[in-house]
Amino acid sequence: MTKRDVLVVTTTHDAEEKARVLAALVVRERLAACAQVYPIGSVYWWDGEVQSAPEWRIDFKTRADLADRLTAFLRAHHDYETPEVVAVPVVAGSDAYLDWVAAETAP
């Protein structure tokens, strides 16, 4: 596995408890090795105007070959009409950590 085979996939939720439940579901399904949940403030265009809201960001560490399955899982378990699902490749990192991500998401 190379460093380019690992992604950080991000989504958001409107409540901490929902974010933590979703994070645990994804990790339990082995679609990510871990998830980090933390508060953010979002400003975005929705329904024809600028909106602002507190949200909870979830960053999932996963293998690139799980991106489609993780995206489908997030869509199926998210209550947003259009949930954010953005994947960013890891271009550098600790070999031991990246190996751990691979091991914890292995079939």
PDB file of N, CA and C in Angstrom:
ATOM      1  N   MET A   1       0.856  -1.182   0.000  1.00  0.00           N
ATOM      2  CA  MET A   1       0.000   0.000   0.000  1.00  0.00           C
ATOM      3  C   MET A   1       0.895   1.235   0.000  1.00  0.00           C
ATOM      4  N   THR A   2       0.581   2.189  -0.854  1.00  0.00           N
ATOM      5  CA  THR A   2       1.347   3.427  -0.883  1.00  0.00           C
ATOM      6  C   THR A   2       0.572   4.515  -0.157  1.00  0.00           C
ATOM      7  N   LYS A   3       1.251   5.599   0.125  1.00  0.00           N
ATOM      8  CA  LYS A   3       0.608   6.719   0.802  1.00  0.00           C
ATOM      9  C   LYS A   3      -0.557   7.269  -0.007  1.00  0.00           C
ATOM     10  N   ARG A   4      -0.512   7.155  -1.320  1.00  0.00           N
ATOM     11  CA  ARG A   4      -1.598   7.657  -2.161  1.00  0.00           C
ATOM     12  C   ARG A   4      -2.846   6.780  -2.101  1.00  0.00           C
ATOM     13  N   ASP A   5      -2.752   5.655  -1.436  1.00  0.00           N
ATOM     14  CA  ASP A   5      -3.890   4.751  -1.319  1.00  0.00           C
ATOM     15  C   ASP A   5      -4.753   5.057  -0.098  1.00  0.00           C
ATOM     16  N   VAL A   6      -4.402   6.080   0.665  1.00  0.00           N
ATOM     17  CA  VAL A   6      -5.150   6.455   1.857  1.00  0.00           C
ATOM     18  C   VAL A   6      -5.840   7.792   1.608  1.00  0.00           C
ATOM     19  N   LEU A   7      -7.080   7.895   2.077  1.00  0.00           N
ATOM     20  CA  LEU A   7      -7.869   9.117   1.941  1.00  0.00           C
ATOM     21  C   LEU A   7      -8.331   9.596   3.303  1.00  0.00           C
ATOM     22  N   VAL A   8      -8.601  10.889   3.380  1.00  0.00           N
ATOM     23  CA  VAL A   8      -9.382  11.453   4.469  1.00  0.00           C
ATOM     24  C   VAL A   8     -10.703  11.861   3.834  1.00  0.00           C
ATOM     25  N   VAL A   9     -11.789  11.227   4.278  1.00  0.00           N
ATOM     26  CA  VAL A   9     -13.123  11.505   3.755  1.00  0.00           C
ATOM     27  C   VAL A   9     -13.870  12.306   4.813  1.00  0.00           C
ATOM     28  N   THR A  10     -14.447  13.417   4.409  1.00  0.00           N
ATOM     29  CA  THR A  10     -15.102  14.344   5.338  1.00  0.00           C
ATOM     30  C   THR A  10     -16.592  14.428   5.067  1.00  0.00           C
ATOM     31  N   THR A  11     -17.357  14.482   6.146  1.00  0.00           N
ATOM     32  CA  THR A  11     -18.764  14.833   6.095  1.00  0.00           C
ATOM     33  C   THR A  11     -19.058  15.706   7.310  1.00  0.00           C
ATOM     34  N   THR A  12     -20.262  16.253   7.369  1.00  0.00           N
ATOM     35  CA  THR A  12     -20.669  17.062   8.519  1.00  0.00           C
ATOM     36  C   THR A  12     -22.054  16.629   8.973  1.00  0.00           C
ATOM     37  N   HIS A  13     -22.385  17.000  10.213  1.00  0.00           N
ATOM     38  CA  HIS A  13     -23.719  16.742  10.754  1.00  0.00           C
ATOM     39  C   HIS A  13     -24.129  17.918  11.621  1.00  0.00           C
ATOM     40  N   ASP A  14     -25.432  18.054  11.848  1.00  0.00           N
ATOM     41  CA  ASP A  14     -25.934  19.204  12.601  1.00  0.00           C
ATOM     42  C   ASP A  14     -25.964  18.996  14.112  1.00  0.00           C
ATOM     43  N   ALA A  15     -25.660  17.788  14.580  1.00  0.00           N
ATOM     44  CA  ALA A  15     -25.689  17.513  16.015  1.00  0.00           C
ATOM     45  C   ALA A  15     -24.544  16.569  16.390  1.00  0.00           C
ATOM     46  N   GLU A  16     -23.942  16.824  17.533  1.00  0.00           N
ATOM     47  CA  GLU A  16     -22.805  16.006  17.961  1.00  0.00           C
ATOM     48  C   GLU A  16     -23.177  14.534  18.080  1.00  0.00           C
ATOM     49  N   GLU A  17     -24.292  14.224  18.719  1.00  0.00           N
ATOM     50  CA  GLU A  17     -24.673  12.822  18.920  1.00  0.00           C
ATOM     51  C   GLU A  17     -24.853  12.104  17.583  1.00  0.00           C
ATOM     52  N   LYS A  18     -25.499  12.753  16.611  1.00  0.00           N
ATOM     53  CA  LYS A  18     -25.661  12.139  15.286  1.00  0.00           C
ATOM     54  C   LYS A  18     -24.304  11.900  14.635  1.00  0.00           C
ATOM     55  N   ALA A  19     -23.401  12.857  14.776  1.00  0.00           N
ATOM     56  CA  ALA A  19     -22.067  12.721  14.187  1.00  0.00           C
ATOM     57  C   ALA A  19     -21.316  11.553  14.819  1.00  0.00           C
ATOM     58  N   ARG A  20     -21.399  11.437  16.129  1.00  0.00           N
ATOM     59  CA  ARG A  20     -20.694  10.344  16.825  1.00  0.00           C
ATOM     60  C   ARG A  20     -21.296   8.979  16.483  1.00  0.00           C
ATOM     61  N   VAL A  21     -22.606   8.905  16.358  1.00  0.00           N
ATOM     62  CA  VAL A  21     -23.252   7.645  15.975  1.00  0.00           C
ATOM     63  C   VAL A  21     -22.822   7.254  14.566  1.00  0.00           C
ATOM     64  N   LEU A  22     -22.844   8.205  13.632  1.00  0.00           N
ATOM     65  CA  LEU A  22     -22.429   7.919  12.261  1.00  0.00           C
ATOM     66  C   LEU A  22     -20.961   7.491  12.220  1.00  0.00           C
ATOM     67  N   ALA A  23     -20.112   8.174  12.953  1.00  0.00           N
ATOM     68  CA  ALA A  23     -18.690   7.819  13.000  1.00  0.00           C
ATOM     69  C   ALA A  23     -18.517   6.383  13.486  1.00  0.00           C
ATOM     70  N   ALA A  24     -19.214   6.016  14.549  1.00  0.00           N
ATOM     71  CA  ALA A  24     -19.098   4.663  15.091  1.00  0.00           C
ATOM     72  C   ALA A  24     -19.620   3.614  14.105  1.00  0.00           C
ATOM     73  N   LEU A  25     -20.715   3.910  13.417  1.00  0.00           N
ATOM     74  CA  LEU A  25     -21.250   2.977  12.424  1.00  0.00           C
ATOM     75  C   LEU A  25     -20.229   2.696  11.322  1.00  0.00           C
ATOM     76  N   VAL A  26     -19.610   3.754  10.819  1.00  0.00           N
ATOM     77  CA  VAL A  26     -18.635   3.605   9.735  1.00  0.00           C
ATOM     78  C   VAL A  26     -17.436   2.779  10.201  1.00  0.00           C
ATOM     79  N   VAL A  27     -16.910   3.085  11.375  1.00  0.00           N
ATOM     80  CA  VAL A  27     -15.748   2.350  11.882  1.00  0.00           C
ATOM     81  C   VAL A  27     -16.131   0.896  12.163  1.00  0.00           C
ATOM     82  N   ARG A  28     -17.304   0.665  12.733  1.00  0.00           N
ATOM     83  CA  ARG A  28     -17.770  -0.699  13.009  1.00  0.00           C
ATOM     84  C   ARG A  28     -17.880  -1.513  11.722  1.00  0.00           C
ATOM     85  N   GLU A  29     -18.284  -0.859  10.629  1.00  0.00           N
ATOM     86  CA  GLU A  29     -18.387  -1.530   9.321  1.00  0.00           C
ATOM     87  C   GLU A  29     -17.029  -1.723   8.657  1.00  0.00           C
ATOM     88  N   ARG A  30     -15.981  -1.226   9.276  1.00  0.00           N
ATOM     89  CA  ARG A  30     -14.601  -1.308   8.775  1.00  0.00           C
ATOM     90  C   ARG A  30     -14.421  -0.536   7.469  1.00  0.00           C
ATOM     91  N   LEU A  31     -15.257   0.485   7.269  1.00  0.00           N
ATOM     92  CA  LEU A  31     -15.108   1.357   6.101  1.00  0.00           C
ATOM     93  C   LEU A  31     -14.112   2.472   6.371  1.00  0.00           C
ATOM     94  N   ALA A  32     -13.706   2.634   7.613  1.00  0.00           N
ATOM     95  CA  ALA A  32     -12.651   3.575   8.006  1.00  0.00           C
ATOM     96  C   ALA A  32     -11.960   3.013   9.236  1.00  0.00           C
ATOM     97  N   ALA A  33     -10.686   3.317   9.365  1.00  0.00           N
ATOM     98  CA  ALA A  33      -9.934   2.857  10.528  1.00  0.00           C
ATOM     99  C   ALA A  33     -10.261   3.692  11.756  1.00  0.00           C
ATOM    100  N   CYS A  34     -10.572   4.967  11.526  1.00  0.00           N
ATOM    101  CA  CYS A  34     -10.928   5.851  12.626  1.00  0.00           C
ATOM    102  C   CYS A  34     -11.710   7.036  12.087  1.00  0.00           C
ATOM    103  N   ALA A  35     -12.333   7.740  13.017  1.00  0.00           N
ATOM    104  CA  ALA A  35     -13.087   8.944  12.660  1.00  0.00           C
ATOM    105  C   ALA A  35     -12.846   9.975  13.745  1.00  0.00           C
ATOM    106  N   GLN A  36     -12.644  11.206  13.336  1.00  0.00           N
ATOM    107  CA  GLN A  36     -12.498  12.309  14.276  1.00  0.00           C
ATOM    108  C   GLN A  36     -13.716  13.205  14.146  1.00  0.00           C
ATOM    109  N   VAL A  37     -14.313  13.554  15.280  1.00  0.00           N
ATOM    110  CA  VAL A  37     -15.521  14.370  15.327  1.00  0.00           C
ATOM    111  C   VAL A  37     -15.202  15.645  16.095  1.00  0.00           C
ATOM    112  N   TYR A  38     -15.474  16.793  15.463  1.00  0.00           N
ATOM    113  CA  TYR A  38     -15.186  18.055  16.149  1.00  0.00           C
ATOM    114  C   TYR A  38     -16.100  19.160  15.637  1.00  0.00           C
ATOM    115  N   PRO A  39     -16.350  20.180  16.490  1.00  0.00           N
ATOM    116  CA  PRO A  39     -17.272  21.253  16.118  1.00  0.00           C
ATOM    117  C   PRO A  39     -16.648  22.229  15.131  1.00  0.00           C
ATOM    118  N   ILE A  40     -17.489  22.721  14.220  1.00  0.00           N
ATOM    119  CA  ILE A  40     -17.073  23.752  13.261  1.00  0.00           C
ATOM    120  C   ILE A  40     -18.235  24.722  13.069  1.00  0.00           C
ATOM    121  N   GLY A  41     -17.971  25.829  12.434  1.00  0.00           N
ATOM    122  CA  GLY A  41     -19.015  26.749  11.997  1.00  0.00           C
ATOM    123  C   GLY A  41     -19.017  26.777  10.486  1.00  0.00           C
ATOM    124  N   SER A  42     -20.166  26.526   9.882  1.00  0.00           N
ATOM    125  CA  SER A  42     -20.259  26.460   8.427  1.00  0.00           C
ATOM    126  C   SER A  42     -21.030  27.658   7.874  1.00  0.00           C
ATOM    127  N   VAL A  43     -20.559  28.177   6.751  1.00  0.00           N
ATOM    128  CA  VAL A  43     -21.248  29.218   5.990  1.00  0.00           C
ATOM    129  C   VAL A  43     -21.376  28.660   4.582  1.00  0.00           C
ATOM    130  N   TYR A  44     -22.617  28.647   4.054  1.00  0.00           N
ATOM    131  CA  TYR A  44     -22.842  27.977   2.779  1.00  0.00           C
ATOM    132  C   TYR A  44     -24.071  28.570   2.091  1.00  0.00           C
ATOM    133  N   TRP A  45     -24.157  28.318   0.789  1.00  0.00           N
ATOM    134  CA  TRP A  45     -25.286  28.770  -0.023  1.00  0.00           C
ATOM    135  C   TRP A  45     -26.318  27.653  -0.045  1.00  0.00           C
ATOM    136  N   TRP A  46     -27.564  27.941   0.350  1.00  0.00           N
ATOM    137  CA  TRP A  46     -28.630  26.937   0.351  1.00  0.00           C
ATOM    138  C   TRP A  46     -29.967  27.635   0.249  1.00  0.00           C
ATOM    139  N   ASP A  47     -30.864  27.101  -0.555  1.00  0.00           N
ATOM    140  CA  ASP A  47     -32.204  27.663  -0.742  1.00  0.00           C
ATOM    141  C   ASP A  47     -32.166  29.135  -1.153  1.00  0.00           C
ATOM    142  N   GLY A  48     -31.223  29.467  -2.014  1.00  0.00           N
ATOM    143  CA  GLY A  48     -31.168  30.810  -2.584  1.00  0.00           C
ATOM    144  C   GLY A  48     -30.569  31.882  -1.697  1.00  0.00           C
ATOM    145  N   GLU A  49     -29.950  31.487  -0.580  1.00  0.00           N
ATOM    146  CA  GLU A  49     -29.331  32.512   0.273  1.00  0.00           C
ATOM    147  C   GLU A  49     -28.171  31.931   1.074  1.00  0.00           C
ATOM    148  N   VAL A  50     -27.377  32.824   1.618  1.00  0.00           N
ATOM    149  CA  VAL A  50     -26.260  32.414   2.458  1.00  0.00           C
ATOM    150  C   VAL A  50     -26.808  31.970   3.813  1.00  0.00           C
ATOM    151  N   GLN A  51     -26.399  30.793   4.228  1.00  0.00           N
ATOM    152  CA  GLN A  51     -26.790  30.225   5.516  1.00  0.00           C
ATOM    153  C   GLN A  51     -25.555  30.130   6.413  1.00  0.00           C
ATOM    154  N   SER A  52     -25.786  30.077   7.689  1.00  0.00           N
ATOM    155  CA  SER A  52     -24.714  29.896   8.655  1.00  0.00           C
ATOM    156  C   SER A  52     -25.225  28.986   9.760  1.00  0.00           C
ATOM    157  N   ALA A  53     -24.417  27.996  10.141  1.00  0.00           N
ATOM    158  CA  ALA A  53     -24.875  27.047  11.155  1.00  0.00           C
ATOM    159  C   ALA A  53     -23.698  26.372  11.841  1.00  0.00           C
ATOM    160  N   PRO A  54     -23.865  26.036  13.113  1.00  0.00           N
ATOM    161  CA  PRO A  54     -22.861  25.181  13.763  1.00  0.00           C
ATOM    162  C   PRO A  54     -23.049  23.756  13.251  1.00  0.00           C
ATOM    163  N   GLU A  55     -21.957  23.067  13.032  1.00  0.00           N
ATOM    164  CA  GLU A  55     -22.012  21.681  12.591  1.00  0.00           C
ATOM    165  C   GLU A  55     -20.907  20.903  13.282  1.00  0.00           C
ATOM    166  N   TRP A  56     -20.952  19.590  13.095  1.00  0.00           N
ATOM    167  CA  TRP A  56     -19.931  18.686  13.597  1.00  0.00           C
ATOM    168  C   TRP A  56     -19.288  18.013  12.404  1.00  0.00           C
ATOM    169  N   ARG A  57     -17.990  18.200  12.257  1.00  0.00           N
ATOM    170  CA  ARG A  57     -17.244  17.623  11.144  1.00  0.00           C
ATOM    171  C   ARG A  57     -16.752  16.237  11.546  1.00  0.00           C
ATOM    172  N   ILE A  58     -16.826  15.330  10.585  1.00  0.00           N
ATOM    173  CA  ILE A  58     -16.307  13.976  10.788  1.00  0.00           C
ATOM    174  C   ILE A  58     -15.267  13.723   9.702  1.00  0.00           C
ATOM    175  N   ASP A  59     -14.050  13.427  10.116  1.00  0.00           N
ATOM    176  CA  ASP A  59     -12.979  13.054   9.188  1.00  0.00           C
ATOM    177  C   ASP A  59     -12.704  11.567   9.356  1.00  0.00           C
ATOM    178  N   PHE A  60     -12.884  10.815   8.280  1.00  0.00           N
ATOM    179  CA  PHE A  60     -12.650   9.375   8.274  1.00  0.00           C
ATOM    180  C   PHE A  60     -11.311   9.086   7.603  1.00  0.00           C
ATOM    181  N   LYS A  61     -10.494   8.223   8.190  1.00  0.00           N
ATOM    182  CA  LYS A  61      -9.259   7.758   7.563  1.00  0.00           C
ATOM    183  C   LYS A  61      -9.550   6.393   6.965  1.00  0.00           C
ATOM    184  N   THR A  62      -9.346   6.257   5.649  1.00  0.00           N
ATOM    185  CA  THR A  62      -9.724   5.022   4.971  1.00  0.00           C
ATOM    186  C   THR A  62      -8.821   4.754   3.773  1.00  0.00           C
ATOM    187  N   ARG A  63      -9.015   3.582   3.177  1.00  0.00           N
ATOM    188  CA  ARG A  63      -8.305   3.238   1.947  1.00  0.00           C
ATOM    189  C   ARG A  63      -9.052   3.825   0.754  1.00  0.00           C
ATOM    190  N   ALA A  64      -8.315   4.188  -0.266  1.00  0.00           N
ATOM    191  CA  ALA A  64      -8.924   4.775  -1.466  1.00  0.00           C
ATOM    192  C   ALA A  64      -9.902   3.812  -2.133  1.00  0.00           C
ATOM    193  N   ASP A  65      -9.620   2.518  -2.091  1.00  0.00           N
ATOM    194  CA  ASP A  65     -10.525   1.571  -2.748  1.00  0.00           C
ATOM    195  C   ASP A  65     -11.855   1.395  -2.004  1.00  0.00           C
ATOM    196  N   LEU A  66     -11.994   1.994  -0.824  1.00  0.00           N
ATOM    197  CA  LEU A  66     -13.263   1.960  -0.084  1.00  0.00           C
ATOM    198  C   LEU A  66     -14.094   3.231  -0.281  1.00  0.00           C
ATOM    199  N   ALA A  67     -13.596   4.173  -1.060  1.00  0.00           N
ATOM    200  CA  ALA A  67     -14.261   5.476  -1.198  1.00  0.00           C
ATOM    201  C   ALA A  67     -15.704   5.352  -1.685  1.00  0.00           C
ATOM    202  N   ASP A  68     -15.942   4.559  -2.700  1.00  0.00           N
ATOM    203  CA  ASP A  68     -17.303   4.424  -3.226  1.00  0.00           C
ATOM    204  C   ASP A  68     -18.235   3.771  -2.211  1.00  0.00           C
ATOM    205  N   ARG A  69     -17.762   2.727  -1.539  1.00  0.00           N
ATOM    206  CA  ARG A  69     -18.592   2.063  -0.522  1.00  0.00           C
ATOM    207  C   ARG A  69     -18.866   3.004   0.653  1.00  0.00           C
ATOM    208  N   LEU A  70     -17.849   3.750   1.075  1.00  0.00           N
ATOM    209  CA  LEU A  70     -18.031   4.690   2.181  1.00  0.00           C
ATOM    210  C   LEU A  70     -19.013   5.789   1.781  1.00  0.00           C
ATOM    211  N   THR A  71     -18.886   6.317   0.584  1.00  0.00           N
ATOM    212  CA  THR A  71     -19.803   7.351   0.102  1.00  0.00           C
ATOM    213  C   THR A  71     -21.246   6.835   0.092  1.00  0.00           C
ATOM    214  N   ALA A  72     -21.450   5.640  -0.431  1.00  0.00           N
ATOM    215  CA  ALA A  72     -22.799   5.052  -0.462  1.00  0.00           C
ATOM    216  C   ALA A  72     -23.333   4.850   0.958  1.00  0.00           C
ATOM    217  N   PHE A  73     -22.491   4.399   1.863  1.00  0.00           N
ATOM    218  CA  PHE A  73     -22.904   4.189   3.246  1.00  0.00           C
ATOM    219  C   PHE A  73     -23.308   5.513   3.892  1.00  0.00           C
ATOM    220  N   LEU A  74     -22.508   6.551   3.670  1.00  0.00           N
ATOM    221  CA  LEU A  74     -22.820   7.860   4.243  1.00  0.00           C
ATOM    222  C   LEU A  74     -24.145   8.390   3.699  1.00  0.00           C
ATOM    223  N   ARG A  75     -24.364   8.263   2.408  1.00  0.00           N
ATOM    224  CA  ARG A  75     -25.636   8.707   1.822  1.00  0.00           C
ATOM    225  C   ARG A  75     -26.820   7.952   2.421  1.00  0.00           C
ATOM    226  N   ALA A  76     -26.655   6.665   2.637  1.00  0.00           N
ATOM    227  CA  ALA A  76     -27.745   5.832   3.154  1.00  0.00           C
ATOM    228  C   ALA A  76     -28.057   6.104   4.623  1.00  0.00           C
ATOM    229  N   HIS A  77     -27.068   6.576   5.387  1.00  0.00           N
ATOM    230  CA  HIS A  77     -27.239   6.739   6.828  1.00  0.00           C
ATOM    231  C   HIS A  77     -27.257   8.200   7.273  1.00  0.00           C
ATOM    232  N   HIS A  78     -27.255   9.122   6.354  1.00  0.00           N
ATOM    233  CA  HIS A  78     -27.216  10.553   6.677  1.00  0.00           C
ATOM    234  C   HIS A  78     -28.602  11.147   6.487  1.00  0.00           C
ATOM    235  N   ASP A  79     -28.992  12.107   7.340  1.00  0.00           N
ATOM    236  CA  ASP A  79     -30.318  12.703   7.174  1.00  0.00           C
ATOM    237  C   ASP A  79     -30.299  14.047   6.443  1.00  0.00           C
ATOM    238  N   TYR A  80     -29.121  14.497   5.982  1.00  0.00           N
ATOM    239  CA  TYR A  80     -29.073  15.705   5.161  1.00  0.00           C
ATOM    240  C   TYR A  80     -29.588  15.373   3.759  1.00  0.00           C
ATOM    241  N   GLU A  81     -30.256  16.329   3.134  1.00  0.00           N
ATOM    242  CA  GLU A  81     -30.707  16.158   1.753  1.00  0.00           C
ATOM    243  C   GLU A  81     -29.507  15.979   0.818  1.00  0.00           C
ATOM    244  N   THR A  82     -28.474  16.791   1.031  1.00  0.00           N
ATOM    245  CA  THR A  82     -27.255  16.723   0.231  1.00  0.00           C
ATOM    246  C   THR A  82     -26.053  16.731   1.175  1.00  0.00           C
ATOM    247  N   PRO A  83     -25.700  15.568   1.725  1.00  0.00           N
ATOM    248  CA  PRO A  83     -24.576  15.554   2.660  1.00  0.00           C
ATOM    249  C   PRO A  83     -23.252  15.799   1.955  1.00  0.00           C
ATOM    250  N   GLU A  84     -22.399  16.518   2.641  1.00  0.00           N
ATOM    251  CA  GLU A  84     -21.027  16.684   2.154  1.00  0.00           C
ATOM    252  C   GLU A  84     -20.332  15.337   2.245  1.00  0.00           C
ATOM    253  N   VAL A  85     -19.703  14.931   1.152  1.00  0.00           N
ATOM    254  CA  VAL A  85     -18.795  13.793   1.158  1.00  0.00           C
ATOM    255  C   VAL A  85     -17.644  14.193   0.250  1.00  0.00           C
ATOM    256  N   VAL A  86     -16.515  14.503   0.862  1.00  0.00           N
ATOM    257  CA  VAL A  86     -15.343  14.971   0.129  1.00  0.00           C
ATOM    258  C   VAL A  86     -14.157  14.098   0.531  1.00  0.00           C
ATOM    259  N   ALA A  87     -13.438  13.591  -0.453  1.00  0.00           N
ATOM    260  CA  ALA A  87     -12.270  12.758  -0.193  1.00  0.00           C
ATOM    261  C   ALA A  87     -11.007  13.488  -0.630  1.00  0.00           C
ATOM    262  N   VAL A  88     -10.030  13.487   0.252  1.00  0.00           N
ATOM    263  CA  VAL A  88      -8.747  14.131  -0.020  1.00  0.00           C
ATOM    264  C   VAL A  88      -7.651  13.078   0.122  1.00  0.00           C
ATOM    265  N   PRO A  89      -6.787  12.936  -0.878  1.00  0.00           N
ATOM    266  CA  PRO A  89      -5.723  11.934  -0.770  1.00  0.00           C
ATOM    267  C   PRO A  89      -4.667  12.347   0.244  1.00  0.00           C
ATOM    268  N   VAL A  90      -4.134  11.347   0.920  1.00  0.00           N
ATOM    269  CA  VAL A  90      -3.006  11.562   1.818  1.00  0.00           C
ATOM    270  C   VAL A  90      -1.752  11.462   0.959  1.00  0.00           C
ATOM    271  N   VAL A  91      -0.968  12.512   0.938  1.00  0.00           N
ATOM    272  CA  VAL A  91       0.229  12.520   0.090  1.00  0.00           C
ATOM    273  C   VAL A  91       1.505  12.290   0.889  1.00  0.00           C
ATOM    274  N   ALA A  92       1.415  12.354   2.208  1.00  0.00           N
ATOM    275  CA  ALA A  92       2.561  12.068   3.065  1.00  0.00           C
ATOM    276  C   ALA A  92       2.027  11.674   4.430  1.00  0.00           C
ATOM    277  N   GLY A  93       2.799  10.887   5.145  1.00  0.00           N
ATOM    278  CA  GLY A  93       2.396  10.484   6.483  1.00  0.00           C
ATOM    279  C   GLY A  93       3.304   9.406   7.032  1.00  0.00           C
ATOM    280  N   SER A  94       3.087   9.100   8.284  1.00  0.00           N
ATOM    281  CA  SER A  94       3.842   8.057   8.966  1.00  0.00           C
ATOM    282  C   SER A  94       3.522   6.697   8.350  1.00  0.00           C
ATOM    283  N   ASP A  95       4.556   5.972   7.959  1.00  0.00           N
ATOM    284  CA  ASP A  95       4.331   4.639   7.390  1.00  0.00           C
ATOM    285  C   ASP A  95       3.574   3.746   8.368  1.00  0.00           C
ATOM    286  N   ALA A  96       3.909   3.815   9.648  1.00  0.00           N
ATOM    287  CA  ALA A  96       3.245   2.975  10.644  1.00  0.00           C
ATOM    288  C   ALA A  96       1.757   3.307  10.733  1.00  0.00           C
ATOM    289  N   TYR A  97       1.422   4.585  10.702  1.00  0.00           N
ATOM    290  CA  TYR A  97       0.007   4.980  10.772  1.00  0.00           C
ATOM    291  C   TYR A  97      -0.740   4.543   9.522  1.00  0.00           C
ATOM    292  N   LEU A  98      -0.153   4.762   8.355  1.00  0.00           N
ATOM    293  CA  LEU A  98      -0.816   4.380   7.107  1.00  0.00           C
ATOM    294  C   LEU A  98      -0.979   2.867   7.013  1.00  0.00           C
ATOM    295  N   ASP A  99       0.003   2.114   7.526  1.00  0.00           N
ATOM    296  CA  ASP A  99      -0.139   0.664   7.584  1.00  0.00           C
ATOM    297  C   ASP A  99      -1.279   0.261   8.505  1.00  0.00           C
ATOM    298  N   TRP A 100      -1.428   1.003   9.628  1.00  0.00           N
ATOM    299  CA  TRP A 100      -2.526   0.727  10.557  1.00  0.00           C
ATOM    300  C   TRP A 100      -3.870   0.966   9.883  1.00  0.00           C
ATOM    301  N   VAL A 101      -3.998   2.070   9.124  1.00  0.00           N
ATOM    302  CA  VAL A 101      -5.247   2.333   8.394  1.00  0.00           C
ATOM    303  C   VAL A 101      -5.562   1.166   7.469  1.00  0.00           C
ATOM    304  N   ALA A 102      -4.560   0.687   6.756  1.00  0.00           N
ATOM    305  CA  ALA A 102      -4.768  -0.438   5.844  1.00  0.00           C
ATOM    306  C   ALA A 102      -5.202  -1.688   6.598  1.00  0.00           C
ATOM    307  N   ALA A 103      -4.549  -1.974   7.705  1.00  0.00           N
ATOM    308  CA  ALA A 103      -4.858  -3.180   8.482  1.00  0.00           C
ATOM    309  C   ALA A 103      -6.264  -3.125   9.069  1.00  0.00           C
ATOM    310  N   GLU A 104      -6.668  -1.966   9.561  1.00  0.00           N
ATOM    311  CA  GLU A 104      -7.973  -1.846  10.230  1.00  0.00           C
ATOM    312  C   GLU A 104      -9.149  -1.757   9.267  1.00  0.00           C
ATOM    313  N   THR A 105      -8.870  -1.609   7.988  1.00  0.00           N
ATOM    314  CA  THR A 105      -9.940  -1.577   6.988  1.00  0.00           C
ATOM    315  C   THR A 105      -9.854  -2.774   6.037  1.00  0.00           C
ATOM    316  N   ALA A 106      -9.005  -3.738   6.389  1.00  0.00           N
ATOM    317  CA  ALA A 106      -8.838  -4.918   5.548  1.00  0.00           C
ATOM    318  C   ALA A 106     -10.076  -5.801   5.636  1.00  0.00           C
ATOM    319  N   PRO A 107     -10.392  -6.482   4.541  1.00  0.00           N
ATOM    320  CA  PRO A 107     -11.572  -7.370   4.548  1.00  0.00           C
ATOM    321  C   PRO A 107     -11.405  -8.516   5.549  1.00  0.00           C
TER     322      PRO A 107
END
